[in-house]
Amino acid sequence: MTACLSTAYLPPVQWFAKLLKYEKVYVEQYENYQKQTYRNRCVIAGPNGPISLTVPIEKPETLKCLTKDIRISDHGNWRHLHWNALESAYNQTPYFEYLKDDLRPFYEKPFHFLMDFNEQLVALICELIDIEPQIERTTDYIAVREDADFRDSIGPKRDWQDDKDFKAVPYYQVFQQKLGFLPNLSIVDLLFNMGPESVLVLGRV
């Protein structure tokens, strides 16, 4: 069984659940890039509720641009802002101190292409969670795929509850007493709160 996903910045738990469920996952690189999606956005839990972090991209020269060609912008000191947001949101979690040195380098050096940045972050998180999914980029664009197609169904404007193959299994969250359980946040929320037990949570979703 194979599935196809869009590239994603620190993807949500729902996205990562597909890595465990399917034997092989293709990440789409030949689609026309779509704004306001998880392709360059993640959602974390702050002390007052969900916080969206968006990687700024350079405006393409044409109206349509392939996702693989999207470049990251250095506008607005975003790396520093994202790292500060992650640190302030998760420095009280059980595993942030253990894992921060693995993630911090991604916010200290420039990446030119969004897909490279996302791909290397996903590879690191897979290593930290201790999973070895088979992931490949697509080799061309296929509008109607024969495999499980999640390219457009996993997104901040989509209701994750519409995905019948996914359920948000509650796990410990540092602000849970104040905010209640916040489902389907970025994988780093699960990772910083649950550490090596993250894979057990993913296996139940």
C-alpha atoms as a PDB file:
ATOM      1  CA  MET A   1       0.000   0.000   0.000  1.00  0.00           C
ATOM      2  CA  THR A   2       1.316   3.413  -0.950  1.00  0.00           C
ATOM      3  CA  ALA A   3       0.209   6.961  -0.196  1.00  0.00           C
ATOM      4  CA  CYS A   4       0.962  10.422  -1.531  1.00  0.00           C
ATOM      5  CA  LEU A   5       1.424  13.460   0.699  1.00  0.00           C
ATOM      6  CA  SER A   6       2.255  17.099   0.160  1.00  0.00           C
ATOM      7  CA  THR A   7       5.522  18.362   1.578  1.00  0.00           C
ATOM      8  CA  ALA A   8       4.986  19.862   5.022  1.00  0.00           C
ATOM      9  CA  TYR A   9       6.847  21.997   7.550  1.00  0.00           C
ATOM     10  CA  LEU A  10       7.032  20.159  10.899  1.00  0.00           C
ATOM     11  CA  PRO A  11       3.947  18.206   9.761  1.00  0.00           C
ATOM     12  CA  PRO A  12       0.940  17.453  11.945  1.00  0.00           C
ATOM     13  CA  VAL A  13       0.486  14.125  13.727  1.00  0.00           C
ATOM     14  CA  GLN A  14      -2.021  13.095  11.025  1.00  0.00           C
ATOM     15  CA  TRP A  15       0.693  13.408   8.335  1.00  0.00           C
ATOM     16  CA  PHE A  16       3.176  11.353  10.333  1.00  0.00           C
ATOM     17  CA  ALA A  17       0.580   8.678  11.023  1.00  0.00           C
ATOM     18  CA  LYS A  18       0.567   7.928   7.280  1.00  0.00           C
ATOM     19  CA  LEU A  19       4.292   7.115   7.436  1.00  0.00           C
ATOM     20  CA  LEU A  20       3.508   4.230   9.778  1.00  0.00           C
ATOM     21  CA  LYS A  21       0.326   3.094   8.059  1.00  0.00           C
ATOM     22  CA  TYR A  22       1.647   2.818   4.484  1.00  0.00           C
ATOM     23  CA  GLU A  23       4.516   0.723   3.164  1.00  0.00           C
ATOM     24  CA  LYS A  24       5.742   3.561   0.979  1.00  0.00           C
ATOM     25  CA  VAL A  25       4.950   7.267   0.877  1.00  0.00           C
ATOM     26  CA  TYR A  26       5.490   9.605  -2.052  1.00  0.00           C
ATOM     27  CA  VAL A  27       5.916  13.326  -1.398  1.00  0.00           C
ATOM     28  CA  GLU A  28       4.564  15.466  -4.224  1.00  0.00           C
ATOM     29  CA  GLN A  29       7.065  17.854  -5.792  1.00  0.00           C
ATOM     30  CA  TYR A  30       5.582  18.476  -9.254  1.00  0.00           C
ATOM     31  CA  GLU A  31       2.289  20.083  -8.222  1.00  0.00           C
ATOM     32  CA  ASN A  32       1.702  23.804  -8.561  1.00  0.00           C
ATOM     33  CA  TYR A  33       2.510  25.288  -5.167  1.00  0.00           C
ATOM     34  CA  GLN A  34      -0.451  26.102  -2.921  1.00  0.00           C
ATOM     35  CA  LYS A  35      -0.401  28.868  -0.335  1.00  0.00           C
ATOM     36  CA  GLN A  36      -1.863  28.771   3.196  1.00  0.00           C
ATOM     37  CA  THR A  37      -1.236  25.060   3.697  1.00  0.00           C
ATOM     38  CA  TYR A  38       1.021  22.885   5.836  1.00  0.00           C
ATOM     39  CA  ARG A  39       3.553  23.048   3.002  1.00  0.00           C
ATOM     40  CA  ASN A  40       5.114  26.021   4.772  1.00  0.00           C
ATOM     41  CA  ARG A  41       3.106  26.204   7.995  1.00  0.00           C
ATOM     42  CA  CYS A  42       2.834  24.301  11.257  1.00  0.00           C
ATOM     43  CA  VAL A  43       0.691  24.696  14.371  1.00  0.00           C
ATOM     44  CA  ILE A  44       2.136  24.359  17.878  1.00  0.00           C
ATOM     45  CA  ALA A  45       0.638  24.757  21.363  1.00  0.00           C
ATOM     46  CA  GLY A  46       1.410  27.998  23.150  1.00  0.00           C
ATOM     47  CA  PRO A  47       0.351  28.835  26.713  1.00  0.00           C
ATOM     48  CA  ASN A  48      -2.719  30.662  25.385  1.00  0.00           C
ATOM     49  CA  GLY A  49      -3.665  28.240  22.612  1.00  0.00           C
ATOM     50  CA  PRO A  50      -2.566  27.162  19.124  1.00  0.00           C
ATOM     51  CA  ILE A  51       0.137  29.209  17.365  1.00  0.00           C
ATOM     52  CA  SER A  52       0.759  29.105  13.606  1.00  0.00           C
ATOM     53  CA  LEU A  53       4.348  29.371  12.380  1.00  0.00           C
ATOM     54  CA  THR A  54       4.824  30.143   8.691  1.00  0.00           C
ATOM     55  CA  VAL A  55       8.037  29.852   6.682  1.00  0.00           C
ATOM     56  CA  PRO A  56       8.148  32.863   4.324  1.00  0.00           C
ATOM     57  CA  ILE A  57       8.723  32.055   0.675  1.00  0.00           C
ATOM     58  CA  GLU A  58      10.052  34.130  -2.185  1.00  0.00           C
ATOM     59  CA  LYS A  59       7.320  35.228  -4.525  1.00  0.00           C
ATOM     60  CA  PRO A  60       7.581  33.126  -7.718  1.00  0.00           C
ATOM     61  CA  GLU A  61       8.156  34.970 -10.987  1.00  0.00           C
ATOM     62  CA  THR A  62       5.127  33.287 -12.551  1.00  0.00           C
ATOM     63  CA  LEU A  63       1.616  32.670 -11.242  1.00  0.00           C
ATOM     64  CA  LYS A  64       2.233  28.937 -11.203  1.00  0.00           C
ATOM     65  CA  CYS A  65       5.398  27.485  -9.704  1.00  0.00           C
ATOM     66  CA  LEU A  66       6.230  23.862  -8.955  1.00  0.00           C
ATOM     67  CA  THR A  67       6.563  23.064  -5.267  1.00  0.00           C
ATOM     68  CA  LYS A  68      10.097  21.749  -5.808  1.00  0.00           C
ATOM     69  CA  ASP A  69      11.152  25.196  -7.072  1.00  0.00           C
ATOM     70  CA  ILE A  70       9.791  27.210  -4.135  1.00  0.00           C
ATOM     71  CA  ARG A  71      12.565  29.103  -2.392  1.00  0.00           C
ATOM     72  CA  ILE A  72      12.636  30.170   1.245  1.00  0.00           C
ATOM     73  CA  SER A  73      12.828  33.894   1.924  1.00  0.00           C
ATOM     74  CA  ASP A  74      15.144  35.328   4.565  1.00  0.00           C
ATOM     75  CA  HIS A  75      12.677  38.142   5.163  1.00  0.00           C
ATOM     76  CA  GLY A  76      11.774  39.098   8.712  1.00  0.00           C
ATOM     77  CA  ASN A  77      14.292  37.110  10.753  1.00  0.00           C
ATOM     78  CA  TRP A  78      11.821  34.225  10.769  1.00  0.00           C
ATOM     79  CA  ARG A  79      14.300  31.552  11.877  1.00  0.00           C
ATOM     80  CA  HIS A  80      14.973  33.395  15.107  1.00  0.00           C
ATOM     81  CA  LEU A  81      11.250  34.009  15.648  1.00  0.00           C
ATOM     82  CA  HIS A  82      10.326  30.368  15.019  1.00  0.00           C
ATOM     83  CA  TRP A  83      12.997  29.051  17.356  1.00  0.00           C
ATOM     84  CA  ASN A  84      11.953  31.497  20.088  1.00  0.00           C
ATOM     85  CA  ALA A  85       8.340  30.394  19.652  1.00  0.00           C
ATOM     86  CA  LEU A  86       9.286  26.710  19.904  1.00  0.00           C
ATOM     87  CA  GLU A  87      11.468  27.359  22.937  1.00  0.00           C
ATOM     88  CA  SER A  88       8.876  29.407  24.812  1.00  0.00           C
ATOM     89  CA  ALA A  89       6.121  26.911  23.995  1.00  0.00           C
ATOM     90  CA  TYR A  90       8.017  23.749  24.892  1.00  0.00           C
ATOM     91  CA  ASN A  91      10.836  24.554  27.315  1.00  0.00           C
ATOM     92  CA  GLN A  92       8.720  23.138  30.173  1.00  0.00           C
ATOM     93  CA  THR A  93       8.010  19.850  28.391  1.00  0.00           C
ATOM     94  CA  PRO A  94       9.736  16.646  29.523  1.00  0.00           C
ATOM     95  CA  TYR A  95      11.918  16.219  26.409  1.00  0.00           C
ATOM     96  CA  PHE A  96      12.714  19.681  25.053  1.00  0.00           C
ATOM     97  CA  GLU A  97      16.070  19.876  26.845  1.00  0.00           C
ATOM     98  CA  TYR A  98      17.089  16.487  25.424  1.00  0.00           C
ATOM     99  CA  LEU A  99      16.063  17.258  21.849  1.00  0.00           C
ATOM    100  CA  LYS A 100      16.620  20.993  21.326  1.00  0.00           C
ATOM    101  CA  ASP A 101      20.227  20.607  20.157  1.00  0.00           C
ATOM    102  CA  ASP A 102      19.057  18.305  17.347  1.00  0.00           C
ATOM    103  CA  LEU A 103      16.548  20.830  16.028  1.00  0.00           C
ATOM    104  CA  ARG A 104      18.280  24.134  16.673  1.00  0.00           C
ATOM    105  CA  PRO A 105      20.713  23.881  13.686  1.00  0.00           C
ATOM    106  CA  PHE A 106      17.731  24.084  11.300  1.00  0.00           C
ATOM    107  CA  TYR A 107      17.144  27.601  12.601  1.00  0.00           C
ATOM    108  CA  GLU A 108      20.768  28.697  12.436  1.00  0.00           C
ATOM    109  CA  LYS A 109      21.705  27.939   8.840  1.00  0.00           C
ATOM    110  CA  PRO A 110      19.931  28.957   5.641  1.00  0.00           C
ATOM    111  CA  PHE A 111      18.125  26.488   3.419  1.00  0.00           C
ATOM    112  CA  HIS A 112      17.406  27.650  -0.108  1.00  0.00           C
ATOM    113  CA  PHE A 113      14.491  25.408  -1.075  1.00  0.00           C
ATOM    114  CA  LEU A 114      11.387  24.707   1.018  1.00  0.00           C
ATOM    115  CA  MET A 115      11.241  21.034   0.048  1.00  0.00           C
ATOM    116  CA  ASP A 116      14.836  20.424   1.131  1.00  0.00           C
ATOM    117  CA  PHE A 117      14.196  22.117   4.470  1.00  0.00           C
ATOM    118  CA  ASN A 118      10.994  20.142   5.108  1.00  0.00           C
ATOM    119  CA  GLU A 119      12.537  16.869   3.938  1.00  0.00           C
ATOM    120  CA  GLN A 120      15.553  17.115   6.232  1.00  0.00           C
ATOM    121  CA  LEU A 121      13.396  18.080   9.211  1.00  0.00           C
ATOM    122  CA  VAL A 122      11.162  15.046   8.578  1.00  0.00           C
ATOM    123  CA  ALA A 123      14.227  12.794   8.317  1.00  0.00           C
ATOM    124  CA  LEU A 124      15.519  14.066  11.668  1.00  0.00           C
ATOM    125  CA  ILE A 125      12.155  13.602  13.392  1.00  0.00           C
ATOM    126  CA  CYS A 126      11.841  10.072  12.009  1.00  0.00           C
ATOM    127  CA  GLU A 127      15.253   9.352  13.522  1.00  0.00           C
ATOM    128  CA  LEU A 128      14.260  10.855  16.895  1.00  0.00           C
ATOM    129  CA  ILE A 129      10.983   8.916  16.954  1.00  0.00           C
ATOM    130  CA  ASP A 130      12.850   5.802  15.811  1.00  0.00           C
ATOM    131  CA  ILE A 131      10.883   4.989  12.665  1.00  0.00           C
ATOM    132  CA  GLU A 132      12.268   4.172   9.222  1.00  0.00           C
ATOM    133  CA  PRO A 133       9.546   4.905   6.666  1.00  0.00           C
ATOM    134  CA  GLN A 134      10.156   4.523   2.960  1.00  0.00           C
ATOM    135  CA  ILE A 135       9.749   8.031   1.539  1.00  0.00           C
ATOM    136  CA  GLU A 136      10.401   9.170  -2.033  1.00  0.00           C
ATOM    137  CA  ARG A 137       9.619  12.283  -4.021  1.00  0.00           C
ATOM    138  CA  THR A 138       7.260  11.940  -6.946  1.00  0.00           C
ATOM    139  CA  THR A 139       8.865  11.722 -10.393  1.00  0.00           C
ATOM    140  CA  ASP A 140       6.024  13.465 -12.258  1.00  0.00           C
ATOM    141  CA  TYR A 141       2.587  14.928 -11.600  1.00  0.00           C
ATOM    142  CA  ILE A 142      -0.406  12.588 -11.667  1.00  0.00           C
ATOM    143  CA  ALA A 143      -3.733  14.349 -11.144  1.00  0.00           C
ATOM    144  CA  VAL A 144      -5.693  11.221 -10.204  1.00  0.00           C
ATOM    145  CA  ARG A 145      -3.510   8.779  -8.299  1.00  0.00           C
ATOM    146  CA  GLU A 146      -4.221   5.110  -7.738  1.00  0.00           C
ATOM    147  CA  ASP A 147      -2.732   5.138  -4.243  1.00  0.00           C
ATOM    148  CA  ALA A 148      -4.111   6.871  -1.138  1.00  0.00           C
ATOM    149  CA  ASP A 149      -3.980  10.548  -2.039  1.00  0.00           C
ATOM    150  CA  PHE A 150      -3.679  12.951   0.901  1.00  0.00           C
ATOM    151  CA  ARG A 151      -2.052  15.847  -0.970  1.00  0.00           C
ATOM    152  CA  ASP A 152      -4.982  18.187  -0.438  1.00  0.00           C
ATOM    153  CA  SER A 153      -6.894  16.535   2.396  1.00  0.00           C
ATOM    154  CA  ILE A 154      -4.377  17.224   5.179  1.00  0.00           C
ATOM    155  CA  GLY A 155      -4.265  20.959   5.779  1.00  0.00           C
ATOM    156  CA  PRO A 156      -5.017  23.779   8.229  1.00  0.00           C
ATOM    157  CA  LYS A 157      -8.290  24.519   6.433  1.00  0.00           C
ATOM    158  CA  ARG A 158      -9.335  20.847   6.391  1.00  0.00           C
ATOM    159  CA  ASP A 159     -11.135  19.054   9.204  1.00  0.00           C
ATOM    160  CA  TRP A 160      -8.899  16.186  10.314  1.00  0.00           C
ATOM    161  CA  GLN A 161     -12.022  14.392  11.539  1.00  0.00           C
ATOM    162  CA  ASP A 162     -13.009  13.844   7.897  1.00  0.00           C
ATOM    163  CA  ASP A 163     -10.062  11.421   7.637  1.00  0.00           C
ATOM    164  CA  LYS A 164     -11.673   8.095   8.571  1.00  0.00           C
ATOM    165  CA  ASP A 165      -8.252   6.435   8.864  1.00  0.00           C
ATOM    166  CA  PHE A 166      -7.073   8.844  11.567  1.00  0.00           C
ATOM    167  CA  LYS A 167      -8.153   9.487  15.123  1.00  0.00           C
ATOM    168  CA  ALA A 168      -6.501  11.937  17.471  1.00  0.00           C
ATOM    169  CA  VAL A 169      -5.319   9.826  20.411  1.00  0.00           C
ATOM    170  CA  PRO A 170      -4.869  12.061  23.480  1.00  0.00           C
ATOM    171  CA  TYR A 171      -1.396  12.260  24.997  1.00  0.00           C
ATOM    172  CA  TYR A 172       0.180  14.418  27.694  1.00  0.00           C
ATOM    173  CA  GLN A 173       0.473  18.102  26.745  1.00  0.00           C
ATOM    174  CA  VAL A 174       2.146  20.618  29.021  1.00  0.00           C
ATOM    175  CA  PHE A 175      -0.737  23.138  28.818  1.00  0.00           C
ATOM    176  CA  GLN A 176      -3.496  20.525  28.883  1.00  0.00           C
ATOM    177  CA  GLN A 177      -4.837  21.498  32.300  1.00  0.00           C
ATOM    178  CA  LYS A 178      -5.390  25.051  31.042  1.00  0.00           C
ATOM    179  CA  LEU A 179      -6.334  24.458  27.390  1.00  0.00           C
ATOM    180  CA  GLY A 180      -7.621  20.893  27.276  1.00  0.00           C
ATOM    181  CA  PHE A 181      -6.149  18.447  24.781  1.00  0.00           C
ATOM    182  CA  LEU A 182      -5.330  20.089  21.427  1.00  0.00           C
ATOM    183  CA  PRO A 183      -5.504  17.469  18.645  1.00  0.00           C
ATOM    184  CA  ASN A 184      -3.400  17.103  15.503  1.00  0.00           C
ATOM    185  CA  LEU A 185      -0.746  19.696  16.245  1.00  0.00           C
ATOM    186  CA  SER A 186       2.732  19.622  14.737  1.00  0.00           C
ATOM    187  CA  ILE A 187       4.700  16.442  15.334  1.00  0.00           C
ATOM    188  CA  VAL A 188       7.078  18.444  17.578  1.00  0.00           C
ATOM    189  CA  ASP A 189       4.261  18.833  20.105  1.00  0.00           C
ATOM    190  CA  LEU A 190       4.068  15.059  20.410  1.00  0.00           C
ATOM    191  CA  LEU A 191       7.855  14.685  20.350  1.00  0.00           C
ATOM    192  CA  PHE A 192       8.646  17.252  23.062  1.00  0.00           C
ATOM    193  CA  ASN A 193       5.856  16.016  25.327  1.00  0.00           C
ATOM    194  CA  MET A 194       6.235  12.257  24.852  1.00  0.00           C
ATOM    195  CA  GLY A 195       9.803  11.663  23.611  1.00  0.00           C
ATOM    196  CA  PRO A 196      10.456   7.979  22.812  1.00  0.00           C
ATOM    197  CA  GLU A 197       6.824   7.118  23.508  1.00  0.00           C
ATOM    198  CA  SER A 198       5.780   9.196  20.472  1.00  0.00           C
ATOM    199  CA  VAL A 199       5.907   6.127  18.248  1.00  0.00           C
ATOM    200  CA  LEU A 200       3.464   4.327  20.548  1.00  0.00           C
ATOM    201  CA  VAL A 201       0.986   7.190  20.205  1.00  0.00           C
ATOM    202  CA  LEU A 202       1.422   7.236  16.403  1.00  0.00           C
ATOM    203  CA  GLY A 203       0.822   3.506  16.300  1.00  0.00           C
ATOM    204  CA  ARG A 204      -2.588   3.951  17.931  1.00  0.00           C
ATOM    205  CA  VAL A 205      -3.938   6.790  15.785  1.00  0.00           C
END
